[in-house]
Amino acid sequence: MASASSLYYHYISPCLKKRGLPDDQCFATLTNKHSFQQKQLQKQEEIKEDDGRGHVASTRRRQFMFQAPLIAFSFSQLVTSNALAVAEIDVPQDFRIYNDEVNKYKIFIPQDWQVGAGEPNSFKSITAFYPEEAANSNVSVAISGLGPDFTRMESFGKVEAFADTLVSGLDRSWQRPPGVAAKLIDCKASNGLYYIEYTLQNPGESRRHLFSAIGMASNGWYNRLYTVTGQYVEEEAEKYGSTIEKAVSSFRFT
């Protein structure tokens, strides 16, 4: 299964290379920029402010902790559902709202699904939602820090270029022997998010249907990339396809 790191390696790194950076500095550029920002924040953790009456008050900057991806849907239905979710529709039957107050987003998840968080670090975090029984279907939200050059989704280029770079970067069907085959199904920009629908299939394994909804938001200090993803294999399409579609389409920033 592709991961959040795949998105950085296969898309963001090539994006930086277009700006003239060599291979071994592409990913490091984002990390270094983020590290520099963190150091600056630490230096400013204690700030002395004059209240105008000769008194000095000490204020402390709030520390954020990240809570510690991919998915196929009917593309047109997903975009429509997302618009409805933004309009504050009722929570679907058998779903509940997962509200992340720290990272400022909400998403509908099935009542009986589990929630798991990866070990967060200063650069990225991931939260996964999955059924109790063993399955190859799930939904996840990955959050990664971005450098100051990335201020909106268009900083990565138009959605068509973004999708083509991401999926072609995952494809290894041209190798001998062939590796994973990745195929772009559709892509669209809507509600400030990039939607990318595609499939992945390892030789001898079931085809995975994938859909990613990717957006950007600021935590007040720097921008972060949110990659909402879900996946199901063909054999589980009837059981989980609709459920995953509702979950991913409900994502919105708060």
C-alpha atoms as a PDB file:
ATOM      1  CA  MET A   1       0.000   0.000   0.000  1.00  0.00           C
ATOM      2  CA  ALA A   2       1.248   3.453  -0.808  1.00  0.00           C
ATOM      3  CA  SER A   3       1.916   5.690   2.185  1.00  0.00           C
ATOM      4  CA  ALA A   4       2.142   9.358   3.038  1.00  0.00           C
ATOM      5  CA  SER A   5       5.879   9.192   2.424  1.00  0.00           C
ATOM      6  CA  SER A   6       5.165   7.936  -1.105  1.00  0.00           C
ATOM      7  CA  LEU A   7       3.374  11.195  -1.811  1.00  0.00           C
ATOM      8  CA  TYR A   8       6.437  13.175  -0.772  1.00  0.00           C
ATOM      9  CA  TYR A   9       8.915  11.003  -2.617  1.00  0.00           C
ATOM     10  CA  HIS A  10       6.941  10.771  -5.836  1.00  0.00           C
ATOM     11  CA  TYR A  11       5.455  14.230  -6.041  1.00  0.00           C
ATOM     12  CA  ILE A  12       6.948  16.863  -3.765  1.00  0.00           C
ATOM     13  CA  SER A  13      10.514  15.785  -4.440  1.00  0.00           C
ATOM     14  CA  PRO A  14      10.100  16.066  -8.256  1.00  0.00           C
ATOM     15  CA  CYS A  15       8.395  19.413  -7.700  1.00  0.00           C
ATOM     16  CA  LEU A  16      11.450  20.744  -5.895  1.00  0.00           C
ATOM     17  CA  LYS A  17      13.740  19.256  -8.533  1.00  0.00           C
ATOM     18  CA  LYS A  18      12.017  21.455 -11.084  1.00  0.00           C
ATOM     19  CA  ARG A  19      13.319  24.370  -9.025  1.00  0.00           C
ATOM     20  CA  GLY A  20      16.886  23.239  -9.683  1.00  0.00           C
ATOM     21  CA  LEU A  21      17.636  21.148  -6.605  1.00  0.00           C
ATOM     22  CA  PRO A  22      19.623  17.873  -6.933  1.00  0.00           C
ATOM     23  CA  ASP A  23      18.030  14.529  -5.993  1.00  0.00           C
ATOM     24  CA  ASP A  24      19.611  14.217  -2.565  1.00  0.00           C
ATOM     25  CA  GLN A  25      18.420  17.660  -1.484  1.00  0.00           C
ATOM     26  CA  CYS A  26      14.765  17.523  -2.628  1.00  0.00           C
ATOM     27  CA  PHE A  27      13.202  15.945   0.422  1.00  0.00           C
ATOM     28  CA  ALA A  28      15.759  17.502   2.734  1.00  0.00           C
ATOM     29  CA  THR A  29      14.725  20.980   1.591  1.00  0.00           C
ATOM     30  CA  LEU A  30      11.238  20.609   3.035  1.00  0.00           C
ATOM     31  CA  THR A  31      12.567  19.004   6.207  1.00  0.00           C
ATOM     32  CA  ASN A  32      15.231  21.661   6.735  1.00  0.00           C
ATOM     33  CA  LYS A  33      12.769  24.484   6.214  1.00  0.00           C
ATOM     34  CA  HIS A  34      10.437  22.903   8.726  1.00  0.00           C
ATOM     35  CA  SER A  35      13.286  22.303  11.203  1.00  0.00           C
ATOM     36  CA  PHE A  36      14.363  25.942  10.912  1.00  0.00           C
ATOM     37  CA  GLN A  37      10.831  27.107  11.645  1.00  0.00           C
ATOM     38  CA  GLN A  38      10.652  24.855  14.704  1.00  0.00           C
ATOM     39  CA  LYS A  39      13.929  26.264  16.075  1.00  0.00           C
ATOM     40  CA  GLN A  40      12.667  29.791  15.566  1.00  0.00           C
ATOM     41  CA  LEU A  41       9.496  28.956  17.475  1.00  0.00           C
ATOM     42  CA  GLN A  42      11.505  27.462  20.332  1.00  0.00           C
ATOM     43  CA  LYS A  43      13.600  30.609  20.570  1.00  0.00           C
ATOM     44  CA  GLN A  44      10.414  32.630  20.776  1.00  0.00           C
ATOM     45  CA  GLU A  45       8.716  30.346  23.276  1.00  0.00           C
ATOM     46  CA  GLU A  46       9.170  32.932  26.023  1.00  0.00           C
ATOM     47  CA  ILE A  47       8.166  36.414  24.806  1.00  0.00           C
ATOM     48  CA  LYS A  48       8.183  39.462  27.014  1.00  0.00           C
ATOM     49  CA  GLU A  49       5.404  41.921  26.316  1.00  0.00           C
ATOM     50  CA  ASP A  50       4.889  45.357  27.795  1.00  0.00           C
ATOM     51  CA  ASP A  51       1.277  45.832  28.883  1.00  0.00           C
ATOM     52  CA  GLY A  52       1.552  49.622  28.504  1.00  0.00           C
ATOM     53  CA  ARG A  53       1.662  50.326  32.230  1.00  0.00           C
ATOM     54  CA  GLY A  54       5.274  49.482  32.883  1.00  0.00           C
ATOM     55  CA  HIS A  55       4.573  45.825  33.653  1.00  0.00           C
ATOM     56  CA  VAL A  56       6.111  43.002  31.728  1.00  0.00           C
ATOM     57  CA  ALA A  57       4.077  39.839  31.236  1.00  0.00           C
ATOM     58  CA  SER A  58       5.412  36.509  30.088  1.00  0.00           C
ATOM     59  CA  THR A  59       3.532  34.658  27.424  1.00  0.00           C
ATOM     60  CA  ARG A  60       4.147  31.165  26.122  1.00  0.00           C
ATOM     61  CA  ARG A  61       3.421  30.053  22.615  1.00  0.00           C
ATOM     62  CA  ARG A  62       1.027  27.152  22.398  1.00  0.00           C
ATOM     63  CA  GLN A  63       2.659  23.812  21.567  1.00  0.00           C
ATOM     64  CA  PHE A  64       0.826  21.636  19.059  1.00  0.00           C
ATOM     65  CA  MET A  65       1.141  17.861  19.162  1.00  0.00           C
ATOM     66  CA  PHE A  66       0.401  16.008  15.939  1.00  0.00           C
ATOM     67  CA  GLN A  67      -1.879  13.044  16.406  1.00  0.00           C
ATOM     68  CA  ALA A  68      -0.265  10.106  15.286  1.00  0.00           C
ATOM     69  CA  PRO A  69      -2.861   6.147   3.230  1.00  0.00           C
ATOM     70  CA  LEU A  70      -5.375   4.798  -0.350  1.00  0.00           C
ATOM     71  CA  ILE A  71      -8.981   4.613  -1.955  1.00  0.00           C
ATOM     72  CA  ALA A  72     -11.397   4.238  -4.812  1.00  0.00           C
ATOM     73  CA  PHE A  73     -14.837   5.717  -5.210  1.00  0.00           C
ATOM     74  CA  SER A  74     -17.341   6.803  -7.771  1.00  0.00           C
ATOM     75  CA  PHE A  75     -15.587  10.077  -8.500  1.00  0.00           C
ATOM     76  CA  SER A  76     -18.592  12.237  -9.323  1.00  0.00           C
ATOM     77  CA  GLN A  77     -20.539  10.946  -6.326  1.00  0.00           C
ATOM     78  CA  LEU A  78     -17.635  11.684  -4.003  1.00  0.00           C
ATOM     79  CA  VAL A  79     -17.335  15.316  -5.026  1.00  0.00           C
ATOM     80  CA  THR A  80     -21.089  15.777  -4.666  1.00  0.00           C
ATOM     81  CA  SER A  81     -21.067  14.144  -1.253  1.00  0.00           C
ATOM     82  CA  ASN A  82     -18.213  16.368  -0.120  1.00  0.00           C
ATOM     83  CA  ALA A  83     -20.162  19.483  -1.014  1.00  0.00           C
ATOM     84  CA  LEU A  84     -23.115  18.206   1.002  1.00  0.00           C
ATOM     85  CA  ALA A  85     -20.905  17.417   3.970  1.00  0.00           C
ATOM     86  CA  VAL A  86     -19.576  20.953   3.993  1.00  0.00           C
ATOM     87  CA  ALA A  87     -23.163  22.145   4.113  1.00  0.00           C
ATOM     88  CA  GLU A  88     -23.550  20.492   7.535  1.00  0.00           C
ATOM     89  CA  ILE A  89     -25.786  17.558   6.639  1.00  0.00           C
ATOM     90  CA  ASP A  90     -26.843  15.100   9.315  1.00  0.00           C
ATOM     91  CA  VAL A  91     -24.466  12.325  10.234  1.00  0.00           C
ATOM     92  CA  PRO A  92     -25.407   9.225   8.198  1.00  0.00           C
ATOM     93  CA  GLN A  93     -26.929   6.288  10.023  1.00  0.00           C
ATOM     94  CA  ASP A  94     -24.349   4.011  11.658  1.00  0.00           C
ATOM     95  CA  PHE A  95     -21.696   6.741  11.497  1.00  0.00           C
ATOM     96  CA  ARG A  96     -20.189   9.004  14.117  1.00  0.00           C
ATOM     97  CA  ILE A  97     -18.154  12.194  13.916  1.00  0.00           C
ATOM     98  CA  TYR A  98     -14.447  12.060  14.579  1.00  0.00           C
ATOM     99  CA  ASN A  99     -13.419  15.573  15.583  1.00  0.00           C
ATOM    100  CA  ASP A 100      -9.714  16.409  15.772  1.00  0.00           C
ATOM    101  CA  GLU A 101      -9.634  19.683  17.671  1.00  0.00           C
ATOM    102  CA  VAL A 102      -5.837  19.953  17.531  1.00  0.00           C
ATOM    103  CA  ASN A 103      -5.492  19.508  13.766  1.00  0.00           C
ATOM    104  CA  LYS A 104      -8.806  21.233  13.008  1.00  0.00           C
ATOM    105  CA  TYR A 105     -10.757  18.730  10.942  1.00  0.00           C
ATOM    106  CA  LYS A 106     -13.829  16.501  11.149  1.00  0.00           C
ATOM    107  CA  ILE A 107     -14.685  13.272   9.383  1.00  0.00           C
ATOM    108  CA  PHE A 108     -17.528  10.747   9.530  1.00  0.00           C
ATOM    109  CA  ILE A 109     -16.467   7.210  10.423  1.00  0.00           C
ATOM    110  CA  PRO A 110     -18.550   4.054  10.964  1.00  0.00           C
ATOM    111  CA  GLN A 111     -19.750   3.547  14.531  1.00  0.00           C
ATOM    112  CA  ASP A 112     -17.910   0.250  14.990  1.00  0.00           C
ATOM    113  CA  TRP A 113     -14.625   1.203  13.320  1.00  0.00           C
ATOM    114  CA  GLN A 114     -11.436   1.477  15.328  1.00  0.00           C
ATOM    115  CA  VAL A 115      -9.117   4.486  15.481  1.00  0.00           C
ATOM    116  CA  GLY A 116      -5.361   4.131  15.485  1.00  0.00           C
ATOM    117  CA  ALA A 117      -2.650   6.792  15.522  1.00  0.00           C
ATOM    118  CA  GLY A 118       0.922   6.371  14.368  1.00  0.00           C
ATOM    119  CA  GLU A 119       3.777   7.717  16.446  1.00  0.00           C
ATOM    120  CA  PRO A 120       3.875  11.438  15.559  1.00  0.00           C
ATOM    121  CA  ASN A 121       7.052  13.386  14.951  1.00  0.00           C
ATOM    122  CA  SER A 122       7.829  17.014  14.241  1.00  0.00           C
ATOM    123  CA  PHE A 123       7.180  16.617  10.517  1.00  0.00           C
ATOM    124  CA  LYS A 124       4.219  14.293  10.000  1.00  0.00           C
ATOM    125  CA  SER A 125       1.477  12.265  11.651  1.00  0.00           C
ATOM    126  CA  ILE A 126      -1.182   9.799  10.548  1.00  0.00           C
ATOM    127  CA  THR A 127      -4.510   8.655  11.975  1.00  0.00           C
ATOM    128  CA  ALA A 128      -6.194   5.535  10.586  1.00  0.00           C
ATOM    129  CA  PHE A 129      -9.791   4.297  10.739  1.00  0.00           C
ATOM    130  CA  TYR A 130     -10.496   0.614  10.096  1.00  0.00           C
ATOM    131  CA  PRO A 131     -13.102  -2.132  10.743  1.00  0.00           C
ATOM    132  CA  GLU A 132     -12.829  -4.447  13.748  1.00  0.00           C
ATOM    133  CA  GLU A 133     -12.655  -7.564  11.615  1.00  0.00           C
ATOM    134  CA  ALA A 134      -9.618  -8.308   9.475  1.00  0.00           C
ATOM    135  CA  ALA A 135      -9.941  -6.437   6.184  1.00  0.00           C
ATOM    136  CA  ASN A 136      -7.898  -4.736   3.504  1.00  0.00           C
ATOM    137  CA  SER A 137     -10.052  -1.618   3.630  1.00  0.00           C
ATOM    138  CA  ASN A 138      -9.467   1.536   5.656  1.00  0.00           C
ATOM    139  CA  VAL A 139      -9.471   5.327   5.726  1.00  0.00           C
ATOM    140  CA  SER A 140      -6.642   7.515   6.969  1.00  0.00           C
ATOM    141  CA  VAL A 141      -5.685  11.147   7.419  1.00  0.00           C
ATOM    142  CA  ALA A 142      -1.990  11.959   7.005  1.00  0.00           C
ATOM    143  CA  ILE A 143      -0.690  15.417   7.937  1.00  0.00           C
ATOM    144  CA  SER A 144       2.741  16.657   6.861  1.00  0.00           C
ATOM    145  CA  GLY A 145       4.506  19.977   7.329  1.00  0.00           C
ATOM    146  CA  LEU A 146       5.357  22.100   4.305  1.00  0.00           C
ATOM    147  CA  GLY A 147       7.982  24.716   3.558  1.00  0.00           C
ATOM    148  CA  PRO A 148       7.031  28.398   3.165  1.00  0.00           C
ATOM    149  CA  ASP A 149       7.058  28.131  -0.642  1.00  0.00           C
ATOM    150  CA  PHE A 150       3.913  26.000  -0.532  1.00  0.00           C
ATOM    151  CA  THR A 151       1.022  28.309   0.279  1.00  0.00           C
ATOM    152  CA  ARG A 152      -1.862  26.635  -1.591  1.00  0.00           C
ATOM    153  CA  MET A 153      -2.528  23.499  -3.582  1.00  0.00           C
ATOM    154  CA  GLU A 154      -1.720  25.285  -6.827  1.00  0.00           C
ATOM    155  CA  SER A 155       1.867  25.579  -5.536  1.00  0.00           C
ATOM    156  CA  PHE A 156       2.206  21.953  -6.653  1.00  0.00           C
ATOM    157  CA  GLY A 157       0.773  22.744 -10.067  1.00  0.00           C
ATOM    158  CA  LYS A 158      -2.659  22.097 -11.536  1.00  0.00           C
ATOM    159  CA  VAL A 159      -4.524  19.019 -10.372  1.00  0.00           C
ATOM    160  CA  GLU A 160      -3.908  17.179 -13.663  1.00  0.00           C
ATOM    161  CA  ALA A 161      -0.131  17.580 -13.377  1.00  0.00           C
ATOM    162  CA  PHE A 162      -0.198  16.722  -9.689  1.00  0.00           C
ATOM    163  CA  ALA A 163      -2.193  13.533 -10.287  1.00  0.00           C
ATOM    164  CA  ASP A 164      -0.062  12.436 -13.239  1.00  0.00           C
ATOM    165  CA  THR A 165       3.176  12.911 -11.291  1.00  0.00           C
ATOM    166  CA  LEU A 166       1.860  11.082  -8.238  1.00  0.00           C
ATOM    167  CA  VAL A 167       0.485   8.045 -10.080  1.00  0.00           C
ATOM    168  CA  SER A 168       3.327   7.741 -12.600  1.00  0.00           C
ATOM    169  CA  GLY A 169       5.748   7.882  -9.689  1.00  0.00           C
ATOM    170  CA  LEU A 170       4.043   4.877  -8.114  1.00  0.00           C
ATOM    171  CA  ASP A 171       3.940   2.827 -11.326  1.00  0.00           C
ATOM    172  CA  ARG A 172       6.578   0.103 -11.716  1.00  0.00           C
ATOM    173  CA  SER A 173       4.843  -1.979 -14.376  1.00  0.00           C
ATOM    174  CA  TRP A 174       7.608  -1.084 -16.854  1.00  0.00           C
ATOM    175  CA  GLN A 175      10.262  -2.892 -14.832  1.00  0.00           C
ATOM    176  CA  ARG A 176      11.528  -6.371 -15.695  1.00  0.00           C
ATOM    177  CA  PRO A 177      10.130  -8.283 -13.946  1.00  0.00           C
ATOM    178  CA  PRO A 178       7.116  -5.944 -13.683  1.00  0.00           C
ATOM    179  CA  GLY A 179       6.370  -4.278 -10.363  1.00  0.00           C
ATOM    180  CA  VAL A 180       3.235  -2.557  -9.099  1.00  0.00           C
ATOM    181  CA  ALA A 181       0.945  -1.241 -11.846  1.00  0.00           C
ATOM    182  CA  ALA A 182      -0.614   2.167 -11.152  1.00  0.00           C
ATOM    183  CA  LYS A 183      -3.383   3.609 -13.318  1.00  0.00           C
ATOM    184  CA  LEU A 184      -4.913   7.071 -13.050  1.00  0.00           C
ATOM    185  CA  ILE A 185      -8.721   6.950 -13.303  1.00  0.00           C
ATOM    186  CA  ASP A 186      -9.761  10.556 -12.743  1.00  0.00           C
ATOM    187  CA  CYS A 187      -8.827  13.771 -10.983  1.00  0.00           C
ATOM    188  CA  LYS A 188     -10.612  16.963 -10.045  1.00  0.00           C
ATOM    189  CA  ALA A 189     -10.183  20.120  -7.965  1.00  0.00           C
ATOM    190  CA  SER A 190     -13.176  21.001  -5.797  1.00  0.00           C
ATOM    191  CA  ASN A 191     -13.837  22.776  -2.489  1.00  0.00           C
ATOM    192  CA  GLY A 192     -10.144  23.661  -2.173  1.00  0.00           C
ATOM    193  CA  LEU A 193      -9.098  20.001  -2.379  1.00  0.00           C
ATOM    194  CA  TYR A 194      -7.473  17.860  -5.055  1.00  0.00           C
ATOM    195  CA  TYR A 195      -9.267  14.557  -5.661  1.00  0.00           C
ATOM    196  CA  ILE A 196      -7.307  11.776  -7.327  1.00  0.00           C
ATOM    197  CA  GLU A 197      -8.798   8.387  -8.182  1.00  0.00           C
ATOM    198  CA  TYR A 198      -6.533   5.554  -9.275  1.00  0.00           C
ATOM    199  CA  THR A 199      -5.742   1.851  -8.879  1.00  0.00           C
ATOM    200  CA  LEU A 200      -2.710  -0.109  -7.746  1.00  0.00           C
ATOM    201  CA  GLN A 201      -2.001  -3.777  -8.404  1.00  0.00           C
ATOM    202  CA  ASN A 202       1.001  -5.836  -7.436  1.00  0.00           C
ATOM    203  CA  PRO A 203       1.708  -8.849  -9.677  1.00  0.00           C
ATOM    204  CA  GLY A 204      -0.387 -11.802  -8.547  1.00  0.00           C
ATOM    205  CA  GLU A 205      -2.438  -9.726  -6.072  1.00  0.00           C
ATOM    206  CA  SER A 206      -5.897  -8.175  -6.091  1.00  0.00           C
ATOM    207  CA  ARG A 207      -6.324  -4.732  -7.574  1.00  0.00           C
ATOM    208  CA  ARG A 208      -6.716  -1.962  -4.988  1.00  0.00           C
ATOM    209  CA  HIS A 209      -9.090   0.903  -5.678  1.00  0.00           C
ATOM    210  CA  LEU A 210      -7.793   4.161  -4.302  1.00  0.00           C
ATOM    211  CA  PHE A 211      -8.941   7.721  -3.903  1.00  0.00           C
ATOM    212  CA  SER A 212      -7.084  10.610  -2.293  1.00  0.00           C
ATOM    213  CA  ALA A 213      -8.524  13.938  -1.199  1.00  0.00           C
ATOM    214  CA  ILE A 214      -5.635  16.332  -0.627  1.00  0.00           C
ATOM    215  CA  GLY A 215      -5.817  19.808   0.882  1.00  0.00           C
ATOM    216  CA  MET A 216      -3.761  22.407   2.684  1.00  0.00           C
ATOM    217  CA  ALA A 217      -4.328  24.369   5.882  1.00  0.00           C
ATOM    218  CA  SER A 218      -2.244  26.385   8.338  1.00  0.00           C
ATOM    219  CA  ASN A 219      -1.865  25.733  12.055  1.00  0.00           C
ATOM    220  CA  GLY A 220      -0.976  29.399  12.582  1.00  0.00           C
ATOM    221  CA  TRP A 221       2.766  28.885  12.142  1.00  0.00           C
ATOM    222  CA  TYR A 222       3.175  27.081   8.835  1.00  0.00           C
ATOM    223  CA  ASN A 223       1.126  25.270   6.191  1.00  0.00           C
ATOM    224  CA  ARG A 224       0.437  21.557   6.386  1.00  0.00           C
ATOM    225  CA  LEU A 225      -0.646  19.058   3.746  1.00  0.00           C
ATOM    226  CA  TYR A 226      -3.669  16.898   4.634  1.00  0.00           C
ATOM    227  CA  THR A 227      -4.000  13.679   2.635  1.00  0.00           C
ATOM    228  CA  VAL A 228      -7.317  11.950   3.302  1.00  0.00           C
ATOM    229  CA  THR A 229      -7.129   8.491   1.803  1.00  0.00           C
ATOM    230  CA  GLY A 230      -9.049   5.261   1.712  1.00  0.00           C
ATOM    231  CA  GLN A 231      -8.717   1.931   0.011  1.00  0.00           C
ATOM    232  CA  TYR A 232     -10.480  -1.324  -0.673  1.00  0.00           C
ATOM    233  CA  VAL A 233      -9.653  -4.361  -2.767  1.00  0.00           C
ATOM    234  CA  GLU A 234     -12.054  -5.536  -5.460  1.00  0.00           C
ATOM    235  CA  GLU A 235     -13.301  -8.432  -3.334  1.00  0.00           C
ATOM    236  CA  GLU A 236     -14.435  -6.020  -0.604  1.00  0.00           C
ATOM    237  CA  ALA A 237     -16.013  -3.414  -2.867  1.00  0.00           C
ATOM    238  CA  GLU A 238     -19.595  -4.434  -2.109  1.00  0.00           C
ATOM    239  CA  LYS A 239     -19.021  -4.558   1.641  1.00  0.00           C
ATOM    240  CA  TYR A 240     -16.902  -1.446   2.171  1.00  0.00           C
ATOM    241  CA  GLY A 241     -17.026   0.686  -0.982  1.00  0.00           C
ATOM    242  CA  SER A 242     -20.027   2.805  -0.013  1.00  0.00           C
ATOM    243  CA  THR A 243     -18.892   3.125   3.608  1.00  0.00           C
ATOM    244  CA  ILE A 244     -15.451   4.371   2.635  1.00  0.00           C
ATOM    245  CA  GLU A 245     -16.934   6.777   0.113  1.00  0.00           C
ATOM    246  CA  LYS A 246     -19.121   8.393   2.766  1.00  0.00           C
ATOM    247  CA  ALA A 247     -16.242   8.658   5.205  1.00  0.00           C
ATOM    248  CA  VAL A 248     -13.742  10.300   2.871  1.00  0.00           C
ATOM    249  CA  SER A 249     -16.319  12.576   1.256  1.00  0.00           C
ATOM    250  CA  SER A 250     -17.305  13.928   4.670  1.00  0.00           C
ATOM    251  CA  PHE A 251     -13.850  15.338   5.476  1.00  0.00           C
ATOM    252  CA  ARG A 252     -13.702  19.071   6.058  1.00  0.00           C
ATOM    253  CA  PHE A 253     -11.583  21.584   7.919  1.00  0.00           C
ATOM    254  CA  THR A 254     -13.016  23.178  11.056  1.00  0.00           C
END
